[in-house]
Amino acid sequence: MMRHIGALLPATNTIIETEYSQLPQDVLMFHYARCDKVSAGTPFHPSKDEDVAYQAKMLSYAKVEVIGVIQTSASLFEQGYDARVKKMIAENAGVPGLTSAEEIGKAVKALGAQRIGIVTPYSNEVIQRAADYYGEHFGLVASGLEGFGATDAYSIGNISPDTATEALKRLDTPEIEVFILPGGNFQTMKYLDGWEAAIGKPVIATNQALVWGAMNALGIRDSLPDRGRLLADNPKG
């Protein structure tokens, strides 16, 4: 049975459709809508509320069963953003909302971990916000941080996955149980198995975590191999 999932993306994202088109289409069908940022000068800040509300309503006409906001950095710049945007989605689309930031945190907990390393394309400011967010909201302890200094979404889309490979190896210590790799415009899903094999630990990425969260919300317990341990094991969140 095909299940329909809505995806709210920043207008600048160039990667997610490619990543999700490789999922089994007979099980998961994603429908996309794009939202403008609050201002051109704040590339990692949330999308405009009016865009989120309108596009959520438009996605509801495709009879989606859940809608995910796939912009992890949006949750880092406003206290209470996750709850507020999920409420906005529910009011305008009549279905549950998810945020990729929350689903990353839930995924770490579902894998039974607490100590994380963070590797991300973001700037140092944003990666520190991520460490604070996951500490405050999920009790996770970040013991290794590395960002690639990207200043906008377009530059993230052009970063080589090899950059993450080297960062994961460089940061890895026995204390770290799971690595998280926030950044929805960074291509990750087809590299997750290789990264995990190289360091012997799970790696959770934005686009992967949103898929897992949507599957959990819909009660789908299928395993999705070749996209990291999270989707292969599909632990209940």
C-alpha atoms as a PDB file:
ATOM      1  CA  MET A   1       0.000   0.000   0.000  1.00  0.00           C
ATOM      2  CA  MET A   2       1.443   3.353  -1.032  1.00  0.00           C
ATOM      3  CA  ARG A   3       1.567   6.024   1.693  1.00  0.00           C
ATOM      4  CA  HIS A   4       1.631   9.729   0.852  1.00  0.00           C
ATOM      5  CA  ILE A   5       3.930  12.132   2.709  1.00  0.00           C
ATOM      6  CA  GLY A   6       4.216  15.906   2.330  1.00  0.00           C
ATOM      7  CA  ALA A   7       7.602  17.608   2.386  1.00  0.00           C
ATOM      8  CA  LEU A   8       7.989  21.341   3.044  1.00  0.00           C
ATOM      9  CA  LEU A   9      11.375  22.471   1.736  1.00  0.00           C
ATOM     10  CA  PRO A  10      13.286  25.726   1.742  1.00  0.00           C
ATOM     11  CA  ALA A  11      13.035  27.195  -1.752  1.00  0.00           C
ATOM     12  CA  THR A  12      16.822  26.896  -2.105  1.00  0.00           C
ATOM     13  CA  ASN A  13      16.989  23.122  -1.592  1.00  0.00           C
ATOM     14  CA  THR A  14      18.336  21.209  -4.601  1.00  0.00           C
ATOM     15  CA  ILE A  15      18.993  17.767  -3.082  1.00  0.00           C
ATOM     16  CA  ILE A  16      15.938  16.299  -1.357  1.00  0.00           C
ATOM     17  CA  GLU A  17      13.959  15.294  -4.449  1.00  0.00           C
ATOM     18  CA  THR A  18      16.996  13.375  -5.709  1.00  0.00           C
ATOM     19  CA  GLU A  19      17.472  11.604  -2.385  1.00  0.00           C
ATOM     20  CA  TYR A  20      13.817  10.661  -1.966  1.00  0.00           C
ATOM     21  CA  SER A  21      13.322   9.576  -5.583  1.00  0.00           C
ATOM     22  CA  GLN A  22      15.549   6.604  -4.758  1.00  0.00           C
ATOM     23  CA  LEU A  23      13.159   5.334  -2.072  1.00  0.00           C
ATOM     24  CA  PRO A  24      10.795   2.444  -2.885  1.00  0.00           C
ATOM     25  CA  GLN A  25       7.950   4.255  -4.619  1.00  0.00           C
ATOM     26  CA  ASP A  26       5.469   1.449  -4.006  1.00  0.00           C
ATOM     27  CA  VAL A  27       5.675   2.156  -0.251  1.00  0.00           C
ATOM     28  CA  LEU A  28       6.509   5.850   0.210  1.00  0.00           C
ATOM     29  CA  MET A  29       5.470   8.661  -2.103  1.00  0.00           C
ATOM     30  CA  PHE A  30       6.728  12.142  -1.235  1.00  0.00           C
ATOM     31  CA  HIS A  31       5.004  15.300  -2.478  1.00  0.00           C
ATOM     32  CA  TYR A  32       6.970  18.543  -2.313  1.00  0.00           C
ATOM     33  CA  ALA A  33       6.256  22.212  -1.688  1.00  0.00           C
ATOM     34  CA  ARG A  34       8.731  25.084  -1.390  1.00  0.00           C
ATOM     35  CA  CYS A  35       8.774  27.955   1.067  1.00  0.00           C
ATOM     36  CA  ASP A  36      10.607  31.281   0.999  1.00  0.00           C
ATOM     37  CA  LYS A  37      12.920  32.307   3.828  1.00  0.00           C
ATOM     38  CA  VAL A  38      12.111  35.095   6.253  1.00  0.00           C
ATOM     39  CA  SER A  39      14.681  37.287   4.517  1.00  0.00           C
ATOM     40  CA  ALA A  40      17.491  36.907   2.025  1.00  0.00           C
ATOM     41  CA  GLY A  41      20.013  37.839   4.694  1.00  0.00           C
ATOM     42  CA  THR A  42      19.155  34.956   7.015  1.00  0.00           C
ATOM     43  CA  PRO A  43      19.871  31.793   4.990  1.00  0.00           C
ATOM     44  CA  PHE A  44      19.448  29.275   7.833  1.00  0.00           C
ATOM     45  CA  HIS A  45      16.458  30.875   9.549  1.00  0.00           C
ATOM     46  CA  PRO A  46      12.878  29.517   9.305  1.00  0.00           C
ATOM     47  CA  SER A  47      10.655  29.869   6.274  1.00  0.00           C
ATOM     48  CA  LYS A  48       7.868  32.444   6.193  1.00  0.00           C
ATOM     49  CA  ASP A  49       4.845  31.436   8.259  1.00  0.00           C
ATOM     50  CA  GLU A  50       2.469  32.382   5.469  1.00  0.00           C
ATOM     51  CA  ASP A  51       4.324  30.094   3.059  1.00  0.00           C
ATOM     52  CA  VAL A  52       4.271  27.179   5.506  1.00  0.00           C
ATOM     53  CA  ALA A  53       0.545  27.614   6.120  1.00  0.00           C
ATOM     54  CA  TYR A  54      -0.349  27.960   2.438  1.00  0.00           C
ATOM     55  CA  GLN A  55       1.859  25.162   1.176  1.00  0.00           C
ATOM     56  CA  ALA A  56       0.659  22.807   3.919  1.00  0.00           C
ATOM     57  CA  LYS A  57      -2.888  23.460   2.750  1.00  0.00           C
ATOM     58  CA  MET A  58      -1.884  22.789  -0.862  1.00  0.00           C
ATOM     59  CA  LEU A  59      -0.251  19.505   0.118  1.00  0.00           C
ATOM     60  CA  SER A  60      -3.449  18.458   1.851  1.00  0.00           C
ATOM     61  CA  TYR A  61      -5.145  18.358  -1.577  1.00  0.00           C
ATOM     62  CA  ALA A  62      -2.741  15.537  -2.485  1.00  0.00           C
ATOM     63  CA  LYS A  63      -4.206  13.653   0.500  1.00  0.00           C
ATOM     64  CA  VAL A  64      -0.893  13.402   2.298  1.00  0.00           C
ATOM     65  CA  GLU A  65      -1.066  11.704   5.688  1.00  0.00           C
ATOM     66  CA  VAL A  66       1.747  13.606   7.395  1.00  0.00           C
ATOM     67  CA  ILE A  67       3.842  16.660   6.503  1.00  0.00           C
ATOM     68  CA  GLY A  68       7.487  17.165   7.412  1.00  0.00           C
ATOM     69  CA  VAL A  69       9.418  20.433   7.555  1.00  0.00           C
ATOM     70  CA  ILE A  70      12.832  19.441   6.189  1.00  0.00           C
ATOM     71  CA  GLN A  71      14.915  22.374   7.361  1.00  0.00           C
ATOM     72  CA  THR A  72      16.789  21.373  10.491  1.00  0.00           C
ATOM     73  CA  SER A  73      18.370  24.780  11.051  1.00  0.00           C
ATOM     74  CA  ALA A  74      14.921  26.415  11.287  1.00  0.00           C
ATOM     75  CA  SER A  75      14.353  24.806  14.676  1.00  0.00           C
ATOM     76  CA  LEU A  76      17.600  26.220  16.053  1.00  0.00           C
ATOM     77  CA  PHE A  77      16.768  29.928  15.761  1.00  0.00           C
ATOM     78  CA  GLU A  78      13.436  30.182  17.576  1.00  0.00           C
ATOM     79  CA  GLN A  79      12.524  28.727  20.945  1.00  0.00           C
ATOM     80  CA  GLY A  80       9.396  26.614  20.549  1.00  0.00           C
ATOM     81  CA  TYR A  81       9.535  26.588  16.749  1.00  0.00           C
ATOM     82  CA  ASP A  82       8.878  22.848  16.451  1.00  0.00           C
ATOM     83  CA  ALA A  83       5.615  22.971  18.385  1.00  0.00           C
ATOM     84  CA  ARG A  84       4.501  26.158  16.642  1.00  0.00           C
ATOM     85  CA  VAL A  85       5.131  24.954  13.089  1.00  0.00           C
ATOM     86  CA  LYS A  86       3.566  21.548  13.744  1.00  0.00           C
ATOM     87  CA  LYS A  87       0.448  23.268  15.048  1.00  0.00           C
ATOM     88  CA  MET A  88       0.383  25.461  11.928  1.00  0.00           C
ATOM     89  CA  ILE A  89       0.566  22.385   9.701  1.00  0.00           C
ATOM     90  CA  ALA A  90      -2.205  20.599  11.590  1.00  0.00           C
ATOM     91  CA  GLU A  91      -4.484  23.646  11.434  1.00  0.00           C
ATOM     92  CA  ASN A  92      -3.971  24.189   7.706  1.00  0.00           C
ATOM     93  CA  ALA A  93      -3.631  20.641   6.407  1.00  0.00           C
ATOM     94  CA  GLY A  94      -5.520  18.573   8.956  1.00  0.00           C
ATOM     95  CA  VAL A  95      -2.635  16.097   9.330  1.00  0.00           C
ATOM     96  CA  PRO A  96       0.252  15.747  11.808  1.00  0.00           C
ATOM     97  CA  GLY A  97       3.415  17.760  11.264  1.00  0.00           C
ATOM     98  CA  LEU A  98       7.029  16.766  11.825  1.00  0.00           C
ATOM     99  CA  THR A  99      10.303  18.668  11.865  1.00  0.00           C
ATOM    100  CA  SER A 100      13.577  17.129  10.767  1.00  0.00           C
ATOM    101  CA  ALA A 101      15.344  18.634  13.796  1.00  0.00           C
ATOM    102  CA  GLU A 102      13.077  16.794  16.228  1.00  0.00           C
ATOM    103  CA  GLU A 103      13.210  13.562  14.269  1.00  0.00           C
ATOM    104  CA  ILE A 104      17.020  13.531  14.464  1.00  0.00           C
ATOM    105  CA  GLY A 105      16.831  13.798  18.246  1.00  0.00           C
ATOM    106  CA  LYS A 106      14.128  11.136  18.475  1.00  0.00           C
ATOM    107  CA  ALA A 107      16.174   8.850  16.231  1.00  0.00           C
ATOM    108  CA  VAL A 108      19.228   9.096  18.492  1.00  0.00           C
ATOM    109  CA  LYS A 109      17.064   8.160  21.476  1.00  0.00           C
ATOM    110  CA  ALA A 110      15.407   5.314  19.535  1.00  0.00           C
ATOM    111  CA  LEU A 111      18.865   3.849  18.908  1.00  0.00           C
ATOM    112  CA  GLY A 112      19.503   3.952  22.654  1.00  0.00           C
ATOM    113  CA  ALA A 113      22.230   6.592  22.508  1.00  0.00           C
ATOM    114  CA  GLN A 114      22.953   9.823  24.378  1.00  0.00           C
ATOM    115  CA  ARG A 115      26.480  10.915  23.454  1.00  0.00           C
ATOM    116  CA  ILE A 116      26.696  12.362  19.948  1.00  0.00           C
ATOM    117  CA  GLY A 117      29.172  13.851  17.544  1.00  0.00           C
ATOM    118  CA  ILE A 118      27.933  16.508  15.135  1.00  0.00           C
ATOM    119  CA  VAL A 119      29.291  16.853  11.614  1.00  0.00           C
ATOM    120  CA  THR A 120      27.500  19.363   9.425  1.00  0.00           C
ATOM    121  CA  PRO A 121      27.948  21.724   6.483  1.00  0.00           C
ATOM    122  CA  TYR A 122      26.768  24.598   8.700  1.00  0.00           C
ATOM    123  CA  SER A 123      28.784  27.497  10.058  1.00  0.00           C
ATOM    124  CA  ASN A 124      30.268  27.385  13.564  1.00  0.00           C
ATOM    125  CA  GLU A 125      27.387  29.489  14.902  1.00  0.00           C
ATOM    126  CA  VAL A 126      24.755  27.097  13.577  1.00  0.00           C
ATOM    127  CA  ILE A 127      26.562  23.944  14.699  1.00  0.00           C
ATOM    128  CA  GLN A 128      26.818  25.328  18.240  1.00  0.00           C
ATOM    129  CA  ARG A 129      23.106  26.087  18.154  1.00  0.00           C
ATOM    130  CA  ALA A 130      22.546  22.463  17.138  1.00  0.00           C
ATOM    131  CA  ALA A 131      24.569  21.194  20.092  1.00  0.00           C
ATOM    132  CA  ASP A 132      22.578  23.435  22.457  1.00  0.00           C
ATOM    133  CA  TYR A 133      19.253  22.399  20.894  1.00  0.00           C
ATOM    134  CA  TYR A 134      19.882  18.673  21.246  1.00  0.00           C
ATOM    135  CA  GLY A 135      21.173  19.100  24.767  1.00  0.00           C
ATOM    136  CA  GLU A 136      18.164  21.139  25.871  1.00  0.00           C
ATOM    137  CA  HIS A 137      15.408  19.192  24.118  1.00  0.00           C
ATOM    138  CA  PHE A 138      16.718  15.618  24.166  1.00  0.00           C
ATOM    139  CA  GLY A 139      19.388  15.507  26.867  1.00  0.00           C
ATOM    140  CA  LEU A 140      22.044  14.593  24.316  1.00  0.00           C
ATOM    141  CA  VAL A 141      25.676  15.326  25.054  1.00  0.00           C
ATOM    142  CA  ALA A 142      27.744  16.571  22.103  1.00  0.00           C
ATOM    143  CA  SER A 143      31.407  15.669  22.551  1.00  0.00           C
ATOM    144  CA  GLY A 144      32.653  16.472  19.063  1.00  0.00           C
ATOM    145  CA  LEU A 145      31.646  19.228  16.650  1.00  0.00           C
ATOM    146  CA  GLU A 146      32.805  20.056  13.142  1.00  0.00           C
ATOM    147  CA  GLY A 147      31.197  22.332  10.573  1.00  0.00           C
ATOM    148  CA  PHE A 148      32.223  23.000   6.996  1.00  0.00           C
ATOM    149  CA  GLY A 149      31.512  26.726   7.157  1.00  0.00           C
ATOM    150  CA  ALA A 150      28.803  26.872   4.497  1.00  0.00           C
ATOM    151  CA  THR A 151      27.160  30.272   4.259  1.00  0.00           C
ATOM    152  CA  ASP A 152      24.080  29.324   2.240  1.00  0.00           C
ATOM    153  CA  ALA A 153      22.143  26.326   0.936  1.00  0.00           C
ATOM    154  CA  TYR A 154      23.675  26.466  -2.537  1.00  0.00           C
ATOM    155  CA  SER A 155      27.180  26.040  -1.166  1.00  0.00           C
ATOM    156  CA  ILE A 156      26.012  23.072   0.931  1.00  0.00           C
ATOM    157  CA  GLY A 157      24.716  21.352  -2.195  1.00  0.00           C
ATOM    158  CA  ASN A 158      28.176  21.582  -3.740  1.00  0.00           C
ATOM    159  CA  ILE A 159      30.120  20.082  -0.820  1.00  0.00           C
ATOM    160  CA  SER A 160      31.689  16.703  -1.552  1.00  0.00           C
ATOM    161  CA  PRO A 161      30.577  13.772   0.637  1.00  0.00           C
ATOM    162  CA  ASP A 162      34.290  13.056   1.110  1.00  0.00           C
ATOM    163  CA  THR A 163      34.376  16.101   3.377  1.00  0.00           C
ATOM    164  CA  ALA A 164      32.039  14.319   5.782  1.00  0.00           C
ATOM    165  CA  THR A 165      33.992  11.068   5.494  1.00  0.00           C
ATOM    166  CA  GLU A 166      37.174  12.716   6.706  1.00  0.00           C
ATOM    167  CA  ALA A 167      35.388  14.723   9.424  1.00  0.00           C
ATOM    168  CA  LEU A 168      33.710  11.623  10.862  1.00  0.00           C
ATOM    169  CA  LYS A 169      37.029   9.788  11.053  1.00  0.00           C
ATOM    170  CA  ARG A 170      38.759  12.835  12.545  1.00  0.00           C
ATOM    171  CA  LEU A 171      36.173  13.385  15.278  1.00  0.00           C
ATOM    172  CA  ASP A 172      35.484   9.778  16.208  1.00  0.00           C
ATOM    173  CA  THR A 173      36.248   8.848  19.818  1.00  0.00           C
ATOM    174  CA  PRO A 174      35.077   5.978  22.050  1.00  0.00           C
ATOM    175  CA  GLU A 175      32.777   8.386  23.914  1.00  0.00           C
ATOM    176  CA  ILE A 176      30.650   9.130  20.849  1.00  0.00           C
ATOM    177  CA  GLU A 177      27.834   6.620  20.342  1.00  0.00           C
ATOM    178  CA  VAL A 178      26.118   8.153  17.300  1.00  0.00           C
ATOM    179  CA  PHE A 179      27.004  10.858  14.804  1.00  0.00           C
ATOM    180  CA  ILE A 180      24.375  13.251  13.526  1.00  0.00           C
ATOM    181  CA  LEU A 181      24.762  15.069  10.245  1.00  0.00           C
ATOM    182  CA  PRO A 182      22.209  17.910  10.016  1.00  0.00           C
ATOM    183  CA  GLY A 183      21.743  19.587   6.644  1.00  0.00           C
ATOM    184  CA  GLY A 184      18.896  18.811   4.259  1.00  0.00           C
ATOM    185  CA  ASN A 185      20.745  20.163   1.222  1.00  0.00           C
ATOM    186  CA  PHE A 186      23.749  17.905   1.810  1.00  0.00           C
ATOM    187  CA  GLN A 187      23.636  14.606  -0.093  1.00  0.00           C
ATOM    188  CA  THR A 188      23.906  11.820   2.470  1.00  0.00           C
ATOM    189  CA  MET A 189      21.540   8.880   2.071  1.00  0.00           C
ATOM    190  CA  LYS A 190      23.545   6.783  -0.380  1.00  0.00           C
ATOM    191  CA  TYR A 191      26.719   7.343   1.650  1.00  0.00           C
ATOM    192  CA  LEU A 192      25.386   6.438   5.103  1.00  0.00           C
ATOM    193  CA  ASP A 193      26.261   2.735   4.954  1.00  0.00           C
ATOM    194  CA  GLY A 194      29.824   3.529   3.924  1.00  0.00           C
ATOM    195  CA  TRP A 195      30.253   6.108   6.679  1.00  0.00           C
ATOM    196  CA  GLU A 196      28.879   3.711   9.263  1.00  0.00           C
ATOM    197  CA  ALA A 197      31.172   0.933   8.077  1.00  0.00           C
ATOM    198  CA  ALA A 198      34.174   3.261   8.283  1.00  0.00           C
ATOM    199  CA  ILE A 199      33.569   4.298  11.907  1.00  0.00           C
ATOM    200  CA  GLY A 200      31.518   1.378  13.216  1.00  0.00           C
ATOM    201  CA  LYS A 201      28.708   3.627  14.505  1.00  0.00           C
ATOM    202  CA  PRO A 202      25.315   4.860  13.309  1.00  0.00           C
ATOM    203  CA  VAL A 203      25.177   8.123  11.368  1.00  0.00           C
ATOM    204  CA  ILE A 204      21.859   9.970  11.338  1.00  0.00           C
ATOM    205  CA  ALA A 205      21.240  12.595   8.649  1.00  0.00           C
ATOM    206  CA  THR A 206      18.435  15.110   8.156  1.00  0.00           C
ATOM    207  CA  ASN A 207      16.706  13.579   5.141  1.00  0.00           C
ATOM    208  CA  GLN A 208      17.022  10.048   6.491  1.00  0.00           C
ATOM    209  CA  ALA A 209      15.621  11.034   9.905  1.00  0.00           C
ATOM    210  CA  LEU A 210      12.545  12.660   8.350  1.00  0.00           C
ATOM    211  CA  VAL A 211      11.803   9.468   6.392  1.00  0.00           C
ATOM    212  CA  TRP A 212      12.114   7.458   9.608  1.00  0.00           C
ATOM    213  CA  GLY A 213       9.868   9.909  11.464  1.00  0.00           C
ATOM    214  CA  ALA A 214       7.212   9.765   8.771  1.00  0.00           C
ATOM    215  CA  MET A 215       7.290   5.962   8.774  1.00  0.00           C
ATOM    216  CA  ASN A 216       6.868   5.942  12.533  1.00  0.00           C
ATOM    217  CA  ALA A 217       3.994   8.410  12.354  1.00  0.00           C
ATOM    218  CA  LEU A 218       2.259   6.156   9.826  1.00  0.00           C
ATOM    219  CA  GLY A 219       3.009   2.936  11.697  1.00  0.00           C
ATOM    220  CA  ILE A 220       5.211   1.543   8.901  1.00  0.00           C
ATOM    221  CA  ARG A 221       7.594  -1.045  10.288  1.00  0.00           C
ATOM    222  CA  ASP A 222       9.280  -2.017   6.991  1.00  0.00           C
ATOM    223  CA  SER A 223      13.060  -2.086   6.814  1.00  0.00           C
ATOM    224  CA  LEU A 224      14.688   0.155   4.205  1.00  0.00           C
ATOM    225  CA  PRO A 225      18.184  -1.241   3.606  1.00  0.00           C
ATOM    226  CA  ASP A 226      21.182   0.556   2.106  1.00  0.00           C
ATOM    227  CA  ARG A 227      20.306   3.897   3.750  1.00  0.00           C
ATOM    228  CA  GLY A 228      21.964   3.587   7.137  1.00  0.00           C
ATOM    229  CA  ARG A 229      21.192   1.649  10.292  1.00  0.00           C
ATOM    230  CA  LEU A 230      18.289   3.889  11.288  1.00  0.00           C
ATOM    231  CA  LEU A 231      16.164   2.923   8.282  1.00  0.00           C
ATOM    232  CA  ALA A 232      17.466  -0.639   8.137  1.00  0.00           C
ATOM    233  CA  ASP A 233      16.521  -1.340  11.779  1.00  0.00           C
ATOM    234  CA  ASN A 234      13.578   1.109  11.796  1.00  0.00           C
ATOM    235  CA  PRO A 235      13.306   1.222  15.602  1.00  0.00           C
ATOM    236  CA  LYS A 236      10.018   2.424  17.027  1.00  0.00           C
ATOM    237  CA  GLY A 237      10.251   6.103  17.982  1.00  0.00           C
END
